[in-house]
Amino acid sequence: MFCPECFAEYKPGFSECSDCKVSLIDRSPTPEEIADFQARMAGPIVEYREMVEITWTYNPMDIAILKSILDAEDIHYHLHGEQFSYARPWVQPTRLMVSADQADEVRELIKDLNLSIVAHVYNPEEEEEEGKT
């Protein structure tokens, strides 16, 4: 007796999988069924993305605005330190990190955004110019 969902084996006399709550089957799973199950259990493939810092802020309203803009544009981002900033504000800013391949698009999206006075938007071109002087 086997569960058709998780392929757990049961002794005769059982009729339902205790985990999946489905009726058991009388045959062994086929290799294709096992391969399909293993693929489902493996979950999504994790993809590495190089992330770059675009801006930082201490202001929760800035964070909410940035999130809404980036979510609307389907931008992959991470707000480093977001939860920490709620627990201990003014200790560490929240840093907006985006995929390197989307960095220019994000800079363009937020270039005219009026973030709070305690925020900073990184512009690599300005940093290069400052380094030359």
N, C-alpha and C. Protein backbone atom coordinates (compact mmCIF):
# COMPACT_ATOMS: atom_id res chain seq x y z
N MET A 1 0.85 -1.18 0.00
CA MET A 1 0.00 0.00 0.00
C MET A 1 0.90 1.24 0.00
N PHE A 2 0.60 2.15 -0.91
CA PHE A 2 1.40 3.37 -1.05
C PHE A 2 0.47 4.58 -1.14
N CYS A 3 0.97 5.71 -0.65
CA CYS A 3 0.25 6.97 -0.83
C CYS A 3 0.56 7.49 -2.23
N PRO A 4 -0.44 7.87 -3.01
CA PRO A 4 -0.18 8.38 -4.37
C PRO A 4 0.40 9.79 -4.38
N GLU A 5 0.41 10.47 -3.25
CA GLU A 5 0.94 11.84 -3.18
C GLU A 5 2.40 11.88 -2.72
N CYS A 6 2.67 11.23 -1.56
CA CYS A 6 4.02 11.31 -0.98
C CYS A 6 4.78 9.99 -1.10
N PHE A 7 4.13 8.93 -1.58
CA PHE A 7 4.71 7.61 -1.80
C PHE A 7 5.19 6.94 -0.52
N ALA A 8 4.62 7.32 0.61
CA ALA A 8 4.92 6.61 1.85
C ALA A 8 4.33 5.21 1.75
N GLU A 9 5.07 4.25 2.29
CA GLU A 9 4.59 2.86 2.24
C GLU A 9 3.86 2.53 3.53
N TYR A 10 2.75 1.83 3.40
CA TYR A 10 1.93 1.44 4.55
C TYR A 10 1.77 -0.07 4.58
N LYS A 11 1.59 -0.59 5.78
CA LYS A 11 1.30 -2.02 5.96
C LYS A 11 -0.14 -2.27 5.53
N PRO A 12 -0.46 -3.51 5.12
CA PRO A 12 -1.85 -3.84 4.77
C PRO A 12 -2.79 -3.53 5.94
N GLY A 13 -3.96 -3.07 5.59
CA GLY A 13 -4.95 -2.73 6.61
C GLY A 13 -5.18 -1.23 6.71
N PHE A 14 -4.23 -0.45 6.25
CA PHE A 14 -4.40 1.00 6.24
C PHE A 14 -5.07 1.40 4.94
N SER A 15 -5.88 2.45 4.97
CA SER A 15 -6.59 2.86 3.76
C SER A 15 -6.34 4.32 3.39
N GLU A 16 -5.76 5.08 4.32
CA GLU A 16 -5.56 6.51 4.06
C GLU A 16 -4.19 6.95 4.57
N CYS A 17 -3.53 7.81 3.82
CA CYS A 17 -2.24 8.37 4.23
C CYS A 17 -2.47 9.32 5.41
N SER A 18 -1.71 9.12 6.47
CA SER A 18 -1.90 9.96 7.66
C SER A 18 -1.42 11.39 7.44
N ASP A 19 -0.52 11.61 6.49
CA ASP A 19 -0.03 12.96 6.21
C ASP A 19 -0.85 13.68 5.15
N CYS A 20 -1.12 12.99 4.05
CA CYS A 20 -1.78 13.63 2.90
C CYS A 20 -3.30 13.54 2.95
N LYS A 21 -3.83 12.62 3.76
CA LYS A 21 -5.29 12.43 3.88
C LYS A 21 -5.93 12.01 2.55
N VAL A 22 -5.21 11.16 1.77
CA VAL A 22 -5.75 10.62 0.52
C VAL A 22 -5.77 9.10 0.61
N SER A 23 -6.60 8.48 -0.19
CA SER A 23 -6.70 7.01 -0.22
C SER A 23 -5.42 6.40 -0.76
N LEU A 24 -5.03 5.27 -0.18
CA LEU A 24 -3.82 4.58 -0.61
C LEU A 24 -4.09 3.76 -1.86
N ILE A 25 -3.01 3.45 -2.59
CA ILE A 25 -3.12 2.61 -3.80
C ILE A 25 -2.40 1.28 -3.54
N ASP A 26 -2.79 0.25 -4.30
CA ASP A 26 -2.26 -1.11 -4.07
C ASP A 26 -0.93 -1.37 -4.79
N ARG A 27 -0.48 -0.50 -5.63
CA ARG A 27 0.72 -0.78 -6.42
C ARG A 27 1.88 0.13 -5.98
N SER A 28 3.09 -0.28 -6.36
CA SER A 28 4.27 0.55 -6.11
C SER A 28 4.25 1.73 -7.08
N PRO A 29 4.83 2.86 -6.69
CA PRO A 29 4.89 4.00 -7.62
C PRO A 29 5.84 3.69 -8.78
N THR A 30 5.52 4.23 -9.94
CA THR A 30 6.38 4.05 -11.12
C THR A 30 7.58 5.00 -11.01
N PRO A 31 8.66 4.72 -11.73
CA PRO A 31 9.81 5.62 -11.71
C PRO A 31 9.45 7.05 -12.14
N GLU A 32 8.51 7.17 -13.07
CA GLU A 32 8.09 8.50 -13.52
C GLU A 32 7.37 9.25 -12.40
N GLU A 33 6.53 8.53 -11.66
CA GLU A 33 5.83 9.15 -10.54
C GLU A 33 6.81 9.60 -9.45
N ILE A 34 7.81 8.77 -9.20
CA ILE A 34 8.82 9.12 -8.19
C ILE A 34 9.61 10.34 -8.65
N ALA A 35 10.00 10.38 -9.91
CA ALA A 35 10.75 11.53 -10.45
C ALA A 35 9.92 12.80 -10.35
N ASP A 36 8.62 12.70 -10.66
CA ASP A 36 7.73 13.85 -10.56
C ASP A 36 7.63 14.33 -9.12
N PHE A 37 7.50 13.38 -8.19
CA PHE A 37 7.42 13.73 -6.77
C PHE A 37 8.70 14.42 -6.31
N GLN A 38 9.85 13.89 -6.70
CA GLN A 38 11.12 14.49 -6.31
C GLN A 38 11.27 15.90 -6.87
N ALA A 39 10.80 16.11 -8.08
CA ALA A 39 10.86 17.45 -8.68
C ALA A 39 9.97 18.42 -7.91
N ARG A 40 8.78 17.95 -7.49
CA ARG A 40 7.89 18.82 -6.70
C ARG A 40 8.49 19.15 -5.35
N MET A 41 9.17 18.19 -4.73
CA MET A 41 9.75 18.39 -3.41
C MET A 41 11.00 19.27 -3.45
N ALA A 42 11.66 19.30 -4.60
CA ALA A 42 12.89 20.10 -4.73
C ALA A 42 12.58 21.59 -4.65
N GLY A 43 11.37 21.98 -5.02
CA GLY A 43 10.99 23.38 -4.97
C GLY A 43 11.59 24.17 -6.12
N PRO A 44 11.42 25.48 -6.07
CA PRO A 44 11.92 26.31 -7.16
C PRO A 44 13.44 26.37 -7.16
N ILE A 45 13.99 26.57 -8.33
CA ILE A 45 15.44 26.72 -8.45
C ILE A 45 15.81 28.12 -7.99
N VAL A 46 16.77 28.20 -7.09
CA VAL A 46 17.22 29.49 -6.57
C VAL A 46 18.23 30.06 -7.54
N GLU A 47 18.02 31.31 -7.89
CA GLU A 47 18.88 31.97 -8.86
C GLU A 47 19.68 33.06 -8.15
N TYR A 48 21.00 33.05 -8.34
CA TYR A 48 21.85 34.09 -7.76
C TYR A 48 21.74 35.35 -8.60
N ARG A 49 21.57 36.48 -7.94
CA ARG A 49 21.56 37.77 -8.63
C ARG A 49 22.51 38.71 -7.90
N GLU A 50 23.33 39.37 -8.67
CA GLU A 50 24.19 40.39 -8.08
C GLU A 50 23.31 41.59 -7.72
N MET A 51 23.41 42.05 -6.48
CA MET A 51 22.59 43.16 -6.02
C MET A 51 23.48 44.38 -5.82
N VAL A 52 22.95 45.55 -6.15
CA VAL A 52 23.67 46.81 -5.94
C VAL A 52 22.80 47.74 -5.12
N GLU A 53 23.45 48.57 -4.33
CA GLU A 53 22.73 49.52 -3.49
C GLU A 53 22.36 50.75 -4.31
N ILE A 54 21.09 51.13 -4.22
CA ILE A 54 20.59 52.28 -4.97
C ILE A 54 20.41 53.49 -4.06
N THR A 55 19.83 53.26 -2.89
CA THR A 55 19.57 54.36 -1.97
C THR A 55 19.47 53.83 -0.55
N TRP A 56 19.48 54.71 0.40
CA TRP A 56 19.21 54.35 1.79
C TRP A 56 18.35 55.43 2.42
N THR A 57 17.62 55.03 3.45
CA THR A 57 16.75 55.98 4.14
C THR A 57 16.46 55.49 5.55
N TYR A 58 16.15 56.43 6.42
CA TYR A 58 15.69 56.11 7.77
C TYR A 58 14.16 56.21 7.86
N ASN A 59 13.53 56.74 6.83
CA ASN A 59 12.11 57.08 6.87
C ASN A 59 11.23 55.92 6.39
N PRO A 60 10.32 55.40 7.25
CA PRO A 60 9.42 54.32 6.84
C PRO A 60 8.51 54.70 5.67
N MET A 61 8.16 55.97 5.54
CA MET A 61 7.32 56.39 4.41
C MET A 61 8.09 56.28 3.09
N ASP A 62 9.37 56.60 3.11
CA ASP A 62 10.19 56.41 1.91
C ASP A 62 10.19 54.94 1.50
N ILE A 63 10.31 54.07 2.49
CA ILE A 63 10.35 52.63 2.23
C ILE A 63 9.04 52.19 1.58
N ALA A 64 7.92 52.65 2.11
CA ALA A 64 6.61 52.27 1.56
C ALA A 64 6.45 52.77 0.13
N ILE A 65 6.89 53.98 -0.15
CA ILE A 65 6.79 54.54 -1.50
C ILE A 65 7.68 53.75 -2.46
N LEU A 66 8.91 53.48 -2.05
CA LEU A 66 9.82 52.72 -2.90
C LEU A 66 9.25 51.33 -3.20
N LYS A 67 8.73 50.67 -2.20
CA LYS A 67 8.13 49.34 -2.40
C LYS A 67 7.00 49.39 -3.42
N SER A 68 6.13 50.38 -3.29
CA SER A 68 4.99 50.44 -4.21
C SER A 68 5.44 50.68 -5.64
N ILE A 69 6.43 51.52 -5.82
CA ILE A 69 6.95 51.79 -7.17
C ILE A 69 7.60 50.53 -7.75
N LEU A 70 8.45 49.89 -6.96
CA LEU A 70 9.18 48.72 -7.46
C LEU A 70 8.26 47.53 -7.68
N ASP A 71 7.29 47.33 -6.82
CA ASP A 71 6.32 46.24 -7.01
C ASP A 71 5.50 46.46 -8.27
N ALA A 72 5.10 47.69 -8.52
CA ALA A 72 4.30 48.00 -9.71
C ALA A 72 5.09 47.72 -11.00
N GLU A 73 6.40 47.88 -10.94
CA GLU A 73 7.24 47.67 -12.13
C GLU A 73 7.86 46.27 -12.17
N ASP A 74 7.49 45.41 -11.21
CA ASP A 74 8.00 44.05 -11.13
C ASP A 74 9.53 44.01 -11.06
N ILE A 75 10.08 44.87 -10.21
CA ILE A 75 11.53 44.97 -10.00
C ILE A 75 11.91 44.03 -8.85
N HIS A 76 12.97 43.25 -9.04
CA HIS A 76 13.49 42.38 -7.99
C HIS A 76 14.33 43.25 -7.04
N TYR A 77 13.94 43.30 -5.76
CA TYR A 77 14.66 44.16 -4.81
C TYR A 77 14.72 43.52 -3.44
N HIS A 78 15.60 44.07 -2.60
CA HIS A 78 15.71 43.66 -1.20
C HIS A 78 15.94 44.93 -0.39
N LEU A 79 15.22 45.06 0.71
CA LEU A 79 15.42 46.21 1.60
C LEU A 79 16.22 45.74 2.80
N HIS A 80 17.53 45.92 2.71
CA HIS A 80 18.44 45.45 3.75
C HIS A 80 18.29 46.30 5.01
N GLY A 81 17.98 45.65 6.12
CA GLY A 81 17.84 46.35 7.38
C GLY A 81 16.46 46.92 7.64
N GLU A 82 15.49 46.55 6.82
CA GLU A 82 14.14 47.13 6.97
C GLU A 82 13.55 46.81 8.34
N GLN A 83 13.59 45.57 8.76
CA GLN A 83 13.01 45.20 10.04
C GLN A 83 13.79 45.80 11.20
N PHE A 84 15.10 45.86 11.06
CA PHE A 84 15.94 46.43 12.11
C PHE A 84 15.62 47.91 12.32
N SER A 85 15.33 48.62 11.23
CA SER A 85 15.06 50.05 11.35
C SER A 85 13.79 50.33 12.13
N TYR A 86 12.85 49.38 12.14
CA TYR A 86 11.63 49.57 12.94
C TYR A 86 11.92 49.35 14.42
N ALA A 87 12.83 48.43 14.72
CA ALA A 87 13.16 48.13 16.11
C ALA A 87 14.07 49.19 16.72
N ARG A 88 15.02 49.69 15.93
CA ARG A 88 15.98 50.67 16.43
C ARG A 88 16.19 51.76 15.38
N PRO A 89 15.21 52.65 15.26
CA PRO A 89 15.34 53.71 14.24
C PRO A 89 16.54 54.61 14.53
N TRP A 90 17.08 55.17 13.47
CA TRP A 90 18.22 56.09 13.49
C TRP A 90 19.54 55.41 13.82
N VAL A 91 19.54 54.09 14.00
CA VAL A 91 20.80 53.39 14.25
C VAL A 91 21.42 52.97 12.93
N GLN A 92 20.59 52.41 12.07
CA GLN A 92 21.07 51.91 10.78
C GLN A 92 19.99 52.18 9.74
N PRO A 93 20.34 52.77 8.62
CA PRO A 93 19.32 53.02 7.59
C PRO A 93 18.92 51.74 6.88
N THR A 94 17.77 51.80 6.25
CA THR A 94 17.34 50.72 5.37
C THR A 94 17.94 50.99 4.00
N ARG A 95 18.57 49.98 3.42
CA ARG A 95 19.26 50.13 2.14
C ARG A 95 18.49 49.39 1.05
N LEU A 96 18.18 50.11 -0.01
CA LEU A 96 17.49 49.50 -1.15
C LEU A 96 18.52 48.85 -2.05
N MET A 97 18.41 47.54 -2.19
CA MET A 97 19.30 46.76 -3.05
C MET A 97 18.46 46.21 -4.21
N VAL A 98 18.96 46.37 -5.43
CA VAL A 98 18.25 45.84 -6.60
C VAL A 98 19.22 45.01 -7.44
N SER A 99 18.66 44.18 -8.31
CA SER A 99 19.49 43.40 -9.22
C SER A 99 20.32 44.36 -10.07
N ALA A 100 21.58 43.99 -10.26
CA ALA A 100 22.48 44.86 -11.03
C ALA A 100 21.94 45.15 -12.42
N ASP A 101 21.28 44.17 -13.02
CA ASP A 101 20.76 44.38 -14.37
C ASP A 101 19.54 45.30 -14.41
N GLN A 102 18.97 45.64 -13.25
CA GLN A 102 17.82 46.54 -13.20
C GLN A 102 18.17 47.88 -12.53
N ALA A 103 19.42 48.06 -12.15
CA ALA A 103 19.82 49.26 -11.41
C ALA A 103 19.55 50.55 -12.18
N ASP A 104 19.90 50.59 -13.45
CA ASP A 104 19.67 51.81 -14.22
C ASP A 104 18.18 52.12 -14.34
N GLU A 105 17.38 51.09 -14.53
CA GLU A 105 15.93 51.26 -14.62
C GLU A 105 15.37 51.84 -13.32
N VAL A 106 15.86 51.34 -12.19
CA VAL A 106 15.39 51.83 -10.88
C VAL A 106 15.82 53.27 -10.66
N ARG A 107 17.06 53.58 -11.01
CA ARG A 107 17.54 54.97 -10.86
C ARG A 107 16.65 55.92 -11.67
N GLU A 108 16.28 55.50 -12.86
CA GLU A 108 15.41 56.32 -13.71
C GLU A 108 14.02 56.47 -13.07
N LEU A 109 13.51 55.39 -12.50
CA LEU A 109 12.18 55.42 -11.87
C LEU A 109 12.12 56.38 -10.67
N ILE A 110 13.20 56.43 -9.90
CA ILE A 110 13.15 57.22 -8.66
C ILE A 110 13.91 58.54 -8.74
N LYS A 111 14.40 58.89 -9.92
CA LYS A 111 15.23 60.09 -10.02
C LYS A 111 14.49 61.37 -9.60
N ASP A 112 13.20 61.47 -9.87
CA ASP A 112 12.44 62.66 -9.51
C ASP A 112 11.66 62.49 -8.21
N LEU A 113 11.89 61.39 -7.54
CA LEU A 113 11.19 61.11 -6.29
C LEU A 113 11.77 61.97 -5.18
N ASN A 114 10.90 62.62 -4.44
CA ASN A 114 11.33 63.47 -3.34
C ASN A 114 11.39 62.66 -2.06
N LEU A 115 12.52 61.98 -1.84
CA LEU A 115 12.67 61.22 -0.60
C LEU A 115 12.95 62.18 0.55
N SER A 116 12.81 61.68 1.75
CA SER A 116 13.00 62.53 2.94
C SER A 116 14.42 63.09 2.98
N ILE A 117 14.62 64.02 3.86
CA ILE A 117 15.93 64.67 3.97
C ILE A 117 17.00 63.70 4.48
N VAL A 118 16.58 62.61 5.09
CA VAL A 118 17.53 61.64 5.63
C VAL A 118 17.66 60.43 4.72
N ALA A 119 17.64 60.66 3.42
CA ALA A 119 17.81 59.59 2.45
C ALA A 119 18.89 60.00 1.46
N HIS A 120 19.47 59.03 0.82
CA HIS A 120 20.52 59.30 -0.15
C HIS A 120 20.35 58.36 -1.33
N VAL A 121 20.39 58.91 -2.54
CA VAL A 121 20.32 58.10 -3.75
C VAL A 121 21.71 58.06 -4.36
N TYR A 122 22.23 56.85 -4.54
CA TYR A 122 23.55 56.68 -5.12
C TYR A 122 23.50 56.88 -6.62
N ASN A 123 24.44 57.63 -7.12
CA ASN A 123 24.58 57.81 -8.56
C ASN A 123 26.04 57.53 -8.89
N PRO A 124 26.35 56.42 -9.52
CA PRO A 124 27.74 56.05 -9.80
C PRO A 124 28.49 57.09 -10.61
N GLU A 125 27.79 57.80 -11.52
CA GLU A 125 28.46 58.81 -12.34
C GLU A 125 28.94 59.97 -11.48
N GLU A 126 28.13 60.41 -10.51
CA GLU A 126 28.54 61.50 -9.62
C GLU A 126 29.72 61.07 -8.76
N GLU A 127 29.71 59.81 -8.29
CA GLU A 127 30.81 59.32 -7.47
C GLU A 127 32.11 59.28 -8.27
N GLU A 128 32.03 58.92 -9.55
CA GLU A 128 33.23 58.92 -10.41
C GLU A 128 33.76 60.31 -10.59
N GLU A 129 32.86 61.30 -10.81
CA GLU A 129 33.27 62.69 -11.00
C GLU A 129 33.92 63.25 -9.74
N GLU A 130 33.37 62.92 -8.57
CA GLU A 130 33.94 63.39 -7.30
C GLU A 130 35.33 62.81 -7.09
N GLY A 131 35.54 61.59 -7.52
CA GLY A 131 36.85 60.93 -7.37
C GLY A 131 37.90 61.54 -8.27
N LYS A 132 37.49 62.18 -9.38
CA LYS A 132 38.45 62.76 -10.32
C LYS A 132 38.94 64.13 -9.85
N THR A 133 38.16 64.82 -9.03
CA THR A 133 38.57 66.17 -8.63
C THR A 133 39.54 66.16 -7.50
